[in-house]
Every structure is written in structure tokens, then in C-alpha cells.
Protein backbone atom coordinates (compact mmCIF):
# COMPACT_ATOMS: atom_id res chain seq x y z
CA MET A 1 7.13 -81.95 -69.83
CA SER A 2 3.92 -80.21 -70.78
CA ALA A 3 1.84 -83.22 -71.82
CA GLY A 4 0.38 -83.61 -68.35
CA ALA A 5 3.43 -85.65 -67.45
CA GLY A 6 1.80 -89.05 -67.90
CA TRP A 7 5.22 -90.58 -67.27
CA LEU A 8 4.94 -89.34 -63.71
CA TYR A 9 1.78 -91.31 -63.09
CA ASP A 10 3.46 -94.48 -64.38
CA GLN A 11 6.53 -94.04 -62.17
CA LEU A 12 4.65 -93.06 -59.03
CA ARG A 13 1.58 -95.25 -59.23
CA GLU A 14 2.27 -96.58 -55.74
CA ILE A 15 1.62 -94.08 -52.98
CA PRO A 16 3.64 -94.88 -49.84
CA ARG A 17 1.70 -97.06 -47.42
CA GLY A 18 -0.06 -94.95 -44.82
CA ALA A 19 0.01 -91.74 -46.87
CA ASP A 20 -3.18 -89.70 -46.62
CA PRO A 21 -4.25 -88.69 -50.15
CA ASN A 22 -5.85 -85.51 -48.78
CA VAL A 23 -2.52 -84.45 -47.24
CA LEU A 24 -0.82 -85.08 -50.60
CA VAL A 25 -3.43 -82.80 -52.22
CA GLU A 26 -2.79 -80.07 -49.64
CA TRP A 27 0.94 -80.20 -50.29
CA SER A 28 0.48 -80.19 -54.07
CA ASP A 29 -1.49 -76.94 -53.68
CA ILE A 30 1.27 -75.43 -51.50
CA ILE A 31 3.98 -76.48 -53.96
CA GLU A 32 2.03 -75.14 -56.96
CA ARG A 33 1.49 -71.81 -55.21
CA LYS A 34 5.20 -71.51 -54.32
CA ALA A 35 6.28 -72.46 -57.84
CA ASN A 36 4.07 -69.73 -59.33
CA GLU A 37 4.97 -66.94 -56.87
CA GLY A 38 6.13 -63.93 -58.82
CA SER A 39 5.50 -65.67 -62.13
CA SER A 40 3.28 -64.11 -64.74
CA ASP A 41 1.32 -66.07 -67.30
CA LEU A 42 2.64 -63.82 -70.08
CA ASN A 43 5.21 -66.34 -71.30
CA GLY A 44 3.07 -69.40 -70.64
CA GLY A 45 5.33 -70.25 -67.73
CA ARG A 46 2.75 -71.09 -65.06
CA VAL A 47 3.29 -74.39 -63.31
CA LYS A 48 0.40 -76.80 -62.88
CA PHE A 49 0.95 -79.21 -59.99
CA LYS A 50 -2.54 -80.36 -59.09
CA GLY A 51 -3.28 -83.27 -56.81
CA THR A 52 -6.77 -84.73 -56.69
CA VAL A 53 -8.51 -87.59 -54.91
CA ASN A 54 -11.02 -89.59 -56.95
CA ASP A 55 -14.22 -91.24 -55.73
CA GLU A 56 -12.31 -94.37 -54.67
CA GLY A 57 -9.95 -92.28 -52.55
CA ARG A 58 -7.00 -92.65 -54.94
CA PHE A 59 -4.55 -89.78 -55.39
CA ALA A 60 -3.64 -88.47 -58.85
CA LEU A 61 -1.13 -85.76 -59.69
CA ASP A 62 -1.35 -83.64 -62.84
CA VAL A 63 1.91 -81.87 -63.64
CA ASP A 64 2.63 -79.30 -66.32
CA ALA A 65 5.85 -77.30 -66.31
CA PRO A 66 5.89 -75.87 -69.83
CA ASN A 67 9.45 -74.55 -70.02
CA PRO A 68 12.85 -74.91 -68.32
CA ASP A 69 12.26 -71.94 -66.00
CA ALA A 70 8.97 -73.46 -64.83
CA ILE A 71 10.70 -76.79 -64.18
CA VAL A 72 13.36 -75.09 -62.07
CA ARG A 73 10.70 -73.18 -60.11
CA LEU A 74 8.75 -76.38 -59.52
CA LEU A 75 11.82 -78.34 -58.36
CA THR A 76 12.81 -75.46 -56.06
CA ALA A 77 9.30 -75.27 -54.60
CA ILE A 78 9.31 -79.00 -53.87
CA GLN A 79 12.82 -78.85 -52.36
CA ASP A 80 11.90 -75.88 -50.16
CA SER A 81 8.80 -77.70 -48.89
CA LEU A 82 10.29 -81.13 -48.11
CA THR A 83 11.55 -80.34 -44.62
CA LEU A 84 8.12 -79.05 -43.61
CA MET A 85 6.27 -82.22 -44.64
CA PRO A 86 5.41 -85.31 -42.60
CA ALA A 87 7.82 -88.19 -43.35
CA ILE A 88 5.51 -90.20 -45.64
CA THR A 89 4.53 -87.11 -47.62
CA ARG A 90 8.21 -86.10 -47.88
CA GLU A 91 9.05 -89.57 -49.21
CA PHE A 92 6.41 -89.25 -51.92
CA TYR A 93 7.29 -85.71 -53.03
CA GLY A 94 11.01 -86.51 -52.84
CA SER A 95 10.35 -89.26 -55.38
CA VAL A 96 8.32 -86.87 -57.50
CA MET A 97 11.20 -84.40 -57.45
CA VAL A 98 13.71 -87.06 -58.54
CA GLY A 99 11.38 -88.15 -61.35
CA LEU A 100 10.88 -84.59 -62.56
CA ALA A 101 14.61 -83.85 -62.48
CA SER A 102 15.36 -87.06 -64.36
CA GLU A 103 12.73 -86.32 -67.00
CA ALA A 104 14.01 -82.74 -67.38
CA GLU A 105 17.58 -84.00 -67.89
CA LYS A 106 16.38 -86.53 -70.47
CA ASN A 107 14.39 -83.84 -72.33
CA ASP A 108 17.36 -81.45 -72.17
CA GLY A 109 19.58 -84.13 -73.69
CA LEU A 110 17.07 -84.74 -76.48
CA ALA A 111 16.85 -81.01 -77.22
CA LYS A 112 20.64 -80.74 -77.50
CA ASP A 113 20.75 -83.73 -79.87
CA SER A 114 18.30 -82.14 -82.33
């Protein structure tokens, strides 16, 4: 989960029609802040959930949740924020949450197999 989550970009390449990339950036900042509340960087457990808009106006999301606790905090922060978001933004971050949870389950299964 800590490799910048390139898988996330592949799964969520399409932003919902009508979504404002700047609003997605604002919400990524809110989610990152919530996920890191009360977390220290001592154990390398800080969540990175950084949305950016490039020169062409395209949204990109860089995600790094380096351990299981960070993943749980990130998923909780997204879940807690969904009801506050506009519908299109909620649709996007709901998909992000499902993708993160799915990837975390897959990684957990791989860890148990080794």
C-alpha cells in the first residue's frame, strides 16, 4: 500500500462527469488531515492522501498508508467525510474507499500466505 498506490490511479482514472477537480483536492486535504489526527510520525504511520490538479486541469491522487493502522485511519476518515460531500464528490471518494479496502484485503491475504 505504500508504493504511492499506483493501482488506485489505474482503477479510478475516470473522474465522475461534472466533478470539479479543485473540490476533489479540497476533500483529499480534509481526509488526510482527519486520518492523521492524533497520529505521530514516530512509527512511520502518517497517511498521505494528496490530491493535485495538473496544468491540463486533471486530478491525480497520491495515496500512501504505510501500515494496517494507517489504512484503517484513512478508511475511517473517508467514511466519516462521505455524508458531508456533494454527491459527485461522494461518488468518487466512495469508489476510492472501496478500492482501498479491496487492496488492503488482498495485501492482508498475501501476508497471511507468506
